[in-house]
Amino acid sequence: MIQDIRANLEAVHERVARACERAGRKPEDVLLIAVSKTVETERMRLAVAAGVQALGENRVQEAKDKVATLGRPVPWHLIGSLQTNKARDAVELFDWIHSVDREELARELDRRAHQREGRVKVLVQVNVGEEPQKGGVHPAELKGLLEAMTAFSSLDVRGLMCIPPAAETAEASRPWFKRLRDLRDAAAHEARTGDANRLHRLVRRSHSQALCNSRRRGIMYRKTQRREDSDND
């Protein structure tokens, strides 16, 4: 089984490398996250042995059981929506939280991380398609949320994330990611002094993270920009 997993992983890495070449980017700047929701722990263990560098889970409770069994061989990413009352467990379990979309949740994550004397990496989820069935901050409310989050010192805001409306082709998805980039650029343009300088540093590096998130939730792997040494990191 591990040979099959390794072969699949290599095939995905090759696709990433070709995409990076077309975009003029470096493949090593892209982190591939194996989405392990509903996957049994033994298969996850084999995936890590085969070279998976990060695991993504949708639900806190499922992740709690898996972290207890597997430990932390690679970073854990929460890629699903998060209720505020699950913030304490999320901070304890995950290295990254991809779905911060409201000030109440951000404040509680900050409080819980502060209690642990640590910081948690987060992405702000934007509902670029303004779809009522999806999570994410409304684009018109993004700037206010980012400004509020500059006060939360235990949150390491690493960029923006979106799950765009379903599309049949990559070309049809690209306008949504362009909208996310435009939102990033608009927030950066308005950030000038004081705490806004921190907002500027946050939003000006978020475009490539958002663009690299996989466009479909149903696939096994999710991609995100890995720029942990950039800007003020």
C-alpha atoms as a PDB file:
ATOM      1  CA  MET A   1       0.000   0.000   0.000  1.00  0.00           C
ATOM      2  CA  ILE A   2       2.783   2.441   0.803  1.00  0.00           C
ATOM      3  CA  GLN A   3       4.119   2.040  -2.739  1.00  0.00           C
ATOM      4  CA  ASP A   4       0.729   3.049  -4.138  1.00  0.00           C
ATOM      5  CA  ILE A   5       0.542   6.066  -1.855  1.00  0.00           C
ATOM      6  CA  ARG A   6       4.088   7.107  -2.763  1.00  0.00           C
ATOM      7  CA  ALA A   7       3.322   6.759  -6.487  1.00  0.00           C
ATOM      8  CA  ASN A   8       0.151   8.853  -6.147  1.00  0.00           C
ATOM      9  CA  LEU A   9       2.029  11.470  -4.136  1.00  0.00           C
ATOM     10  CA  GLU A  10       4.794  11.683  -6.708  1.00  0.00           C
ATOM     11  CA  ALA A  11       2.208  12.102  -9.482  1.00  0.00           C
ATOM     12  CA  VAL A  12       0.601  15.021  -7.633  1.00  0.00           C
ATOM     13  CA  HIS A  13       3.995  16.617  -7.001  1.00  0.00           C
ATOM     14  CA  GLU A  14       4.753  16.357 -10.703  1.00  0.00           C
ATOM     15  CA  ARG A  15       1.506  18.155 -11.535  1.00  0.00           C
ATOM     16  CA  VAL A  16       2.348  20.858  -9.012  1.00  0.00           C
ATOM     17  CA  ALA A  17       5.816  21.242 -10.506  1.00  0.00           C
ATOM     18  CA  ARG A  18       4.400  21.652 -14.010  1.00  0.00           C
ATOM     19  CA  ALA A  19       1.867  24.205 -12.787  1.00  0.00           C
ATOM     20  CA  CYS A  20       4.611  26.135 -11.001  1.00  0.00           C
ATOM     21  CA  GLU A  21       6.729  26.135 -14.142  1.00  0.00           C
ATOM     22  CA  ARG A  22       3.849  27.608 -16.132  1.00  0.00           C
ATOM     23  CA  ALA A  23       3.338  30.264 -13.466  1.00  0.00           C
ATOM     24  CA  GLY A  24       7.040  31.071 -13.037  1.00  0.00           C
ATOM     25  CA  ARG A  25       7.107  29.856  -9.462  1.00  0.00           C
ATOM     26  CA  LYS A  26       9.216  27.470  -7.416  1.00  0.00           C
ATOM     27  CA  PRO A  27       7.682  24.076  -6.541  1.00  0.00           C
ATOM     28  CA  GLU A  28       9.415  24.132  -3.151  1.00  0.00           C
ATOM     29  CA  ASP A  29       7.334  27.193  -2.245  1.00  0.00           C
ATOM     30  CA  VAL A  30       4.153  25.107  -2.365  1.00  0.00           C
ATOM     31  CA  LEU A  31       3.076  22.911   0.529  1.00  0.00           C
ATOM     32  CA  LEU A  32       0.859  19.961  -0.356  1.00  0.00           C
ATOM     33  CA  ILE A  33      -1.610  19.063   2.407  1.00  0.00           C
ATOM     34  CA  ALA A  34      -3.059  15.538   2.480  1.00  0.00           C
ATOM     35  CA  VAL A  35      -6.727  15.822   3.427  1.00  0.00           C
ATOM     36  CA  SER A  36      -7.164  12.943   5.846  1.00  0.00           C
ATOM     37  CA  LYS A  37     -10.805  13.345   6.876  1.00  0.00           C
ATOM     38  CA  THR A  38     -12.507   9.917   7.215  1.00  0.00           C
ATOM     39  CA  VAL A  39      -9.177   8.207   6.441  1.00  0.00           C
ATOM     40  CA  GLU A  40      -8.117   5.488   8.885  1.00  0.00           C
ATOM     41  CA  THR A  41      -5.041   6.240  10.983  1.00  0.00           C
ATOM     42  CA  GLU A  42      -2.948   3.366   9.632  1.00  0.00           C
ATOM     43  CA  ARG A  43      -3.311   4.673   6.083  1.00  0.00           C
ATOM     44  CA  MET A  44      -2.386   8.139   7.350  1.00  0.00           C
ATOM     45  CA  ARG A  45       0.698   6.697   9.016  1.00  0.00           C
ATOM     46  CA  LEU A  46       1.714   5.131   5.721  1.00  0.00           C
ATOM     47  CA  ALA A  47       1.091   8.405   3.901  1.00  0.00           C
ATOM     48  CA  VAL A  48       3.441  10.250   6.230  1.00  0.00           C
ATOM     49  CA  ALA A  49       6.041   7.518   5.752  1.00  0.00           C
ATOM     50  CA  ALA A  50       5.606   7.947   1.987  1.00  0.00           C
ATOM     51  CA  GLY A  51       6.433  11.651   2.208  1.00  0.00           C
ATOM     52  CA  VAL A  52       3.256  13.584   3.094  1.00  0.00           C
ATOM     53  CA  GLN A  53       4.368  16.794   4.837  1.00  0.00           C
ATOM     54  CA  ALA A  54       1.059  18.018   6.312  1.00  0.00           C
ATOM     55  CA  LEU A  55      -2.338  16.589   7.238  1.00  0.00           C
ATOM     56  CA  GLY A  56      -5.691  18.378   6.882  1.00  0.00           C
ATOM     57  CA  GLU A  57      -8.799  17.603   8.922  1.00  0.00           C
ATOM     58  CA  ASN A  58     -12.340  18.983   8.722  1.00  0.00           C
ATOM     59  CA  ARG A  59     -13.610  18.190  12.205  1.00  0.00           C
ATOM     60  CA  VAL A  60     -12.086  18.858  15.594  1.00  0.00           C
ATOM     61  CA  GLN A  61     -13.348  15.677  17.251  1.00  0.00           C
ATOM     62  CA  GLU A  62     -12.067  13.415  14.492  1.00  0.00           C
ATOM     63  CA  ALA A  63      -8.709  15.159  14.623  1.00  0.00           C
ATOM     64  CA  LYS A  64      -8.545  14.772  18.405  1.00  0.00           C
ATOM     65  CA  ASP A  65      -8.745  10.991  18.111  1.00  0.00           C
ATOM     66  CA  LYS A  66      -6.198  10.901  15.299  1.00  0.00           C
ATOM     67  CA  VAL A  67      -3.681  13.181  17.006  1.00  0.00           C
ATOM     68  CA  ALA A  68      -3.939  11.002  20.120  1.00  0.00           C
ATOM     69  CA  THR A  69      -3.109   7.946  18.006  1.00  0.00           C
ATOM     70  CA  LEU A  70      -0.538   9.366  15.561  1.00  0.00           C
ATOM     71  CA  GLY A  71       1.044  12.190  17.525  1.00  0.00           C
ATOM     72  CA  ARG A  72       2.557  15.030  15.499  1.00  0.00           C
ATOM     73  CA  PRO A  73       4.789  13.564  12.801  1.00  0.00           C
ATOM     74  CA  VAL A  74       3.844  16.507  10.529  1.00  0.00           C
ATOM     75  CA  PRO A  75       1.848  19.723  11.061  1.00  0.00           C
ATOM     76  CA  TRP A  76      -1.942  19.433  11.380  1.00  0.00           C
ATOM     77  CA  HIS A  77      -4.215  21.853   9.495  1.00  0.00           C
ATOM     78  CA  LEU A  78      -7.887  22.512  10.273  1.00  0.00           C
ATOM     79  CA  ILE A  79      -9.508  23.073   6.886  1.00  0.00           C
ATOM     80  CA  GLY A  80     -13.158  22.881   7.935  1.00  0.00           C
ATOM     81  CA  SER A  81     -15.437  25.410   9.577  1.00  0.00           C
ATOM     82  CA  LEU A  82     -14.938  26.013  13.292  1.00  0.00           C
ATOM     83  CA  GLN A  83     -17.471  26.758  16.010  1.00  0.00           C
ATOM     84  CA  THR A  84     -16.349  29.183  18.687  1.00  0.00           C
ATOM     85  CA  ASN A  85     -16.929  26.622  21.443  1.00  0.00           C
ATOM     86  CA  LYS A  86     -14.352  24.362  19.780  1.00  0.00           C
ATOM     87  CA  ALA A  87     -11.616  27.026  19.811  1.00  0.00           C
ATOM     88  CA  ARG A  88      -9.761  25.609  22.811  1.00  0.00           C
ATOM     89  CA  ASP A  89      -9.477  22.139  21.278  1.00  0.00           C
ATOM     90  CA  ALA A  90      -8.570  23.606  17.888  1.00  0.00           C
ATOM     91  CA  VAL A  91      -5.687  25.596  19.339  1.00  0.00           C
ATOM     92  CA  GLU A  92      -4.418  22.527  21.181  1.00  0.00           C
ATOM     93  CA  LEU A  93      -4.650  20.247  18.158  1.00  0.00           C
ATOM     94  CA  PHE A  94      -3.811  22.270  15.065  1.00  0.00           C
ATOM     95  CA  ASP A  95      -0.757  24.128  13.837  1.00  0.00           C
ATOM     96  CA  TRP A  96      -2.833  25.987  11.217  1.00  0.00           C
ATOM     97  CA  ILE A  97      -6.515  27.017  11.177  1.00  0.00           C
ATOM     98  CA  HIS A  98      -7.766  27.877   7.685  1.00  0.00           C
ATOM     99  CA  SER A  99     -11.295  29.084   8.417  1.00  0.00           C
ATOM    100  CA  VAL A 100     -11.303  32.191  10.614  1.00  0.00           C
ATOM    101  CA  ASP A 101     -14.248  34.245   9.359  1.00  0.00           C
ATOM    102  CA  ARG A 102     -15.548  36.364  12.253  1.00  0.00           C
ATOM    103  CA  GLU A 103     -14.192  38.500  15.049  1.00  0.00           C
ATOM    104  CA  GLU A 104     -15.803  36.435  17.813  1.00  0.00           C
ATOM    105  CA  LEU A 105     -13.955  33.322  16.663  1.00  0.00           C
ATOM    106  CA  ALA A 106     -10.677  35.185  16.201  1.00  0.00           C
ATOM    107  CA  ARG A 107     -10.916  36.661  19.700  1.00  0.00           C
ATOM    108  CA  GLU A 108     -11.559  33.265  21.272  1.00  0.00           C
ATOM    109  CA  LEU A 109      -8.703  31.623  19.360  1.00  0.00           C
ATOM    110  CA  ASP A 110      -6.430  34.440  20.493  1.00  0.00           C
ATOM    111  CA  ARG A 111      -7.514  33.988  24.110  1.00  0.00           C
ATOM    112  CA  ARG A 112      -6.961  30.248  24.046  1.00  0.00           C
ATOM    113  CA  ALA A 113      -3.581  30.557  22.351  1.00  0.00           C
ATOM    114  CA  HIS A 114      -2.534  33.188  24.893  1.00  0.00           C
ATOM    115  CA  GLN A 115      -3.474  30.830  27.724  1.00  0.00           C
ATOM    116  CA  ARG A 116      -1.100  28.285  26.218  1.00  0.00           C
ATOM    117  CA  GLU A 117       1.603  30.949  25.850  1.00  0.00           C
ATOM    118  CA  GLY A 118       1.814  30.254  22.148  1.00  0.00           C
ATOM    119  CA  ARG A 119       0.618  31.474  18.767  1.00  0.00           C
ATOM    120  CA  VAL A 120      -1.501  29.772  16.145  1.00  0.00           C
ATOM    121  CA  LYS A 121      -1.213  30.316  12.391  1.00  0.00           C
ATOM    122  CA  VAL A 122      -4.509  31.264  10.780  1.00  0.00           C
ATOM    123  CA  LEU A 123      -5.978  32.092   7.396  1.00  0.00           C
ATOM    124  CA  VAL A 124      -8.981  34.404   7.047  1.00  0.00           C
ATOM    125  CA  GLN A 125     -11.687  32.742   4.981  1.00  0.00           C
ATOM    126  CA  VAL A 126     -13.494  35.026   2.526  1.00  0.00           C
ATOM    127  CA  ASN A 127     -16.821  34.105   0.945  1.00  0.00           C
ATOM    128  CA  VAL A 128     -15.864  35.508  -2.458  1.00  0.00           C
ATOM    129  CA  GLY A 129     -19.006  34.168  -4.123  1.00  0.00           C
ATOM    130  CA  GLU A 130     -21.236  35.538  -1.343  1.00  0.00           C
ATOM    131  CA  GLU A 131     -22.924  32.146  -1.149  1.00  0.00           C
ATOM    132  CA  PRO A 132     -25.272  31.829   1.862  1.00  0.00           C
ATOM    133  CA  GLN A 133     -24.544  28.131   2.369  1.00  0.00           C
ATOM    134  CA  LYS A 134     -20.791  28.710   2.793  1.00  0.00           C
ATOM    135  CA  GLY A 135     -18.709  30.111   5.589  1.00  0.00           C
ATOM    136  CA  GLY A 136     -16.367  33.041   5.190  1.00  0.00           C
ATOM    137  CA  VAL A 137     -16.427  36.755   5.859  1.00  0.00           C
ATOM    138  CA  HIS A 138     -18.357  38.839   3.339  1.00  0.00           C
ATOM    139  CA  PRO A 139     -15.924  40.726   1.090  1.00  0.00           C
ATOM    140  CA  ALA A 140     -17.333  44.065   2.237  1.00  0.00           C
ATOM    141  CA  GLU A 141     -16.542  43.150   5.855  1.00  0.00           C
ATOM    142  CA  LEU A 142     -13.027  41.813   5.291  1.00  0.00           C
ATOM    143  CA  LYS A 143     -11.137  45.018   6.004  1.00  0.00           C
ATOM    144  CA  GLY A 144     -12.916  45.500   9.338  1.00  0.00           C
ATOM    145  CA  LEU A 145     -12.163  41.946  10.395  1.00  0.00           C
ATOM    146  CA  LEU A 146      -8.491  42.239   9.466  1.00  0.00           C
ATOM    147  CA  GLU A 147      -8.197  45.499  11.371  1.00  0.00           C
ATOM    148  CA  ALA A 148      -9.803  43.924  14.445  1.00  0.00           C
ATOM    149  CA  MET A 149      -7.394  40.986  14.252  1.00  0.00           C
ATOM    150  CA  THR A 150      -4.342  43.237  14.471  1.00  0.00           C
ATOM    151  CA  ALA A 151      -5.123  43.447  18.204  1.00  0.00           C
ATOM    152  CA  PHE A 152      -4.885  39.681  18.665  1.00  0.00           C
ATOM    153  CA  SER A 153      -1.195  39.099  19.356  1.00  0.00           C
ATOM    154  CA  SER A 154      -1.498  35.326  19.739  1.00  0.00           C
ATOM    155  CA  LEU A 155      -2.816  34.914  16.185  1.00  0.00           C
ATOM    156  CA  ASP A 156      -0.300  34.706  13.361  1.00  0.00           C
ATOM    157  CA  VAL A 157      -2.425  35.793  10.397  1.00  0.00           C
ATOM    158  CA  ARG A 158      -0.759  34.246   7.368  1.00  0.00           C
ATOM    159  CA  GLY A 159      -3.131  35.155   4.564  1.00  0.00           C
ATOM    160  CA  LEU A 160      -6.559  34.775   2.984  1.00  0.00           C
ATOM    161  CA  MET A 161      -8.397  31.632   1.924  1.00  0.00           C
ATOM    162  CA  CYS A 162     -11.503  31.068  -0.163  1.00  0.00           C
ATOM    163  CA  ILE A 163     -13.654  28.223  -1.422  1.00  0.00           C
ATOM    164  CA  PRO A 164     -15.050  29.641  -4.673  1.00  0.00           C
ATOM    165  CA  PRO A 165     -18.337  28.651  -6.298  1.00  0.00           C
ATOM    166  CA  ALA A 166     -18.193  25.301  -8.041  1.00  0.00           C
ATOM    167  CA  ALA A 167     -16.884  25.459 -11.593  1.00  0.00           C
ATOM    168  CA  GLU A 168     -16.263  22.932 -14.323  1.00  0.00           C
ATOM    169  CA  THR A 169     -12.852  24.273 -15.338  1.00  0.00           C
ATOM    170  CA  ALA A 170      -9.870  26.012 -13.800  1.00  0.00           C
ATOM    171  CA  GLU A 171     -10.466  28.956 -16.119  1.00  0.00           C
ATOM    172  CA  ALA A 172     -13.938  29.432 -14.701  1.00  0.00           C
ATOM    173  CA  SER A 173     -12.526  29.440 -11.151  1.00  0.00           C
ATOM    174  CA  ARG A 174      -9.805  32.003 -11.761  1.00  0.00           C
ATOM    175  CA  PRO A 175     -12.015  35.128 -11.538  1.00  0.00           C
ATOM    176  CA  TRP A 176     -12.880  34.219  -7.962  1.00  0.00           C
ATOM    177  CA  PHE A 177      -9.237  33.969  -6.977  1.00  0.00           C
ATOM    178  CA  LYS A 178      -8.587  37.245  -8.767  1.00  0.00           C
ATOM    179  CA  ARG A 179     -11.301  38.784  -6.644  1.00  0.00           C
ATOM    180  CA  LEU A 180      -9.543  37.525  -3.532  1.00  0.00           C
ATOM    181  CA  ARG A 181      -6.282  39.066  -4.748  1.00  0.00           C
ATOM    182  CA  ASP A 182      -8.082  42.339  -5.427  1.00  0.00           C
ATOM    183  CA  LEU A 183      -9.478  42.315  -1.894  1.00  0.00           C
ATOM    184  CA  ARG A 184      -5.971  41.749  -0.570  1.00  0.00           C
ATOM    185  CA  ASP A 185      -4.613  44.604  -2.651  1.00  0.00           C
ATOM    186  CA  ALA A 186      -7.401  46.969  -1.595  1.00  0.00           C
ATOM    187  CA  ALA A 187      -6.802  46.282   2.089  1.00  0.00           C
ATOM    188  CA  ALA A 188      -3.056  46.754   1.641  1.00  0.00           C
ATOM    189  CA  HIS A 189      -3.590  50.050  -0.167  1.00  0.00           C
ATOM    190  CA  GLU A 190      -5.654  51.448   2.691  1.00  0.00           C
ATOM    191  CA  ALA A 191      -3.213  50.273   5.389  1.00  0.00           C
ATOM    192  CA  ARG A 192      -0.831  53.129   6.103  1.00  0.00           C
ATOM    193  CA  THR A 193      -0.051  53.967   9.758  1.00  0.00           C
ATOM    194  CA  GLY A 194      -0.019  52.551  13.301  1.00  0.00           C
ATOM    195  CA  ASP A 195      -1.663  49.161  13.642  1.00  0.00           C
ATOM    196  CA  ALA A 196      -2.572  49.424   9.978  1.00  0.00           C
ATOM    197  CA  ASN A 197       1.076  48.782   9.149  1.00  0.00           C
ATOM    198  CA  ARG A 198       0.645  45.318  10.572  1.00  0.00           C
ATOM    199  CA  LEU A 199      -2.484  44.907   8.454  1.00  0.00           C
ATOM    200  CA  HIS A 200      -0.429  45.901   5.426  1.00  0.00           C
ATOM    201  CA  ARG A 201       2.182  43.241   6.184  1.00  0.00           C
ATOM    202  CA  LEU A 202      -0.553  40.642   6.644  1.00  0.00           C
ATOM    203  CA  VAL A 203      -2.575  41.248   3.520  1.00  0.00           C
ATOM    204  CA  ARG A 204       0.232  41.884   1.050  1.00  0.00           C
ATOM    205  CA  ARG A 205       1.475  38.315   1.344  1.00  0.00           C
ATOM    206  CA  SER A 206      -1.820  36.493   1.202  1.00  0.00           C
ATOM    207  CA  HIS A 207      -2.512  36.257  -2.545  1.00  0.00           C
ATOM    208  CA  SER A 208      -0.293  33.310  -3.331  1.00  0.00           C
ATOM    209  CA  GLN A 209      -1.581  31.325  -0.378  1.00  0.00           C
ATOM    210  CA  ALA A 210      -5.146  31.732  -1.569  1.00  0.00           C
ATOM    211  CA  LEU A 211      -4.342  30.971  -5.185  1.00  0.00           C
ATOM    212  CA  CYS A 212      -2.636  27.746  -4.250  1.00  0.00           C
ATOM    213  CA  ASN A 213      -5.491  26.309  -2.214  1.00  0.00           C
ATOM    214  CA  SER A 214      -7.004  23.484  -4.218  1.00  0.00           C
ATOM    215  CA  ARG A 215     -10.123  24.504  -6.093  1.00  0.00           C
ATOM    216  CA  ARG A 216     -12.138  21.452  -5.120  1.00  0.00           C
ATOM    217  CA  ARG A 217     -12.731  20.137  -1.627  1.00  0.00           C
ATOM    218  CA  GLY A 218     -13.256  16.582  -2.796  1.00  0.00           C
ATOM    219  CA  ILE A 219      -9.685  15.856  -3.833  1.00  0.00           C
ATOM    220  CA  MET A 220      -7.175  14.221  -1.529  1.00  0.00           C
ATOM    221  CA  TYR A 221      -4.576  16.950  -1.585  1.00  0.00           C
ATOM    222  CA  ARG A 222      -4.772  20.642  -0.877  1.00  0.00           C
ATOM    223  CA  LYS A 223      -2.031  23.116  -1.761  1.00  0.00           C
ATOM    224  CA  THR A 224      -0.987  26.227   0.082  1.00  0.00           C
ATOM    225  CA  GLN A 225       1.854  28.647  -0.365  1.00  0.00           C
ATOM    226  CA  ARG A 226       4.684  28.006   2.090  1.00  0.00           C
ATOM    227  CA  ARG A 227       6.340  31.350   2.852  1.00  0.00           C
ATOM    228  CA  GLU A 228       7.135  30.929   6.537  1.00  0.00           C
ATOM    229  CA  ASP A 229      10.370  32.913   6.269  1.00  0.00           C
ATOM    230  CA  SER A 230       8.931  35.908   4.439  1.00  0.00           C
ATOM    231  CA  ASP A 231       8.063  39.389   5.662  1.00  0.00           C
ATOM    232  CA  ASN A 232       8.107  39.514   9.454  1.00  0.00           C
ATOM    233  CA  ASP A 233       8.253  35.746  10.082  1.00  0.00           C
END
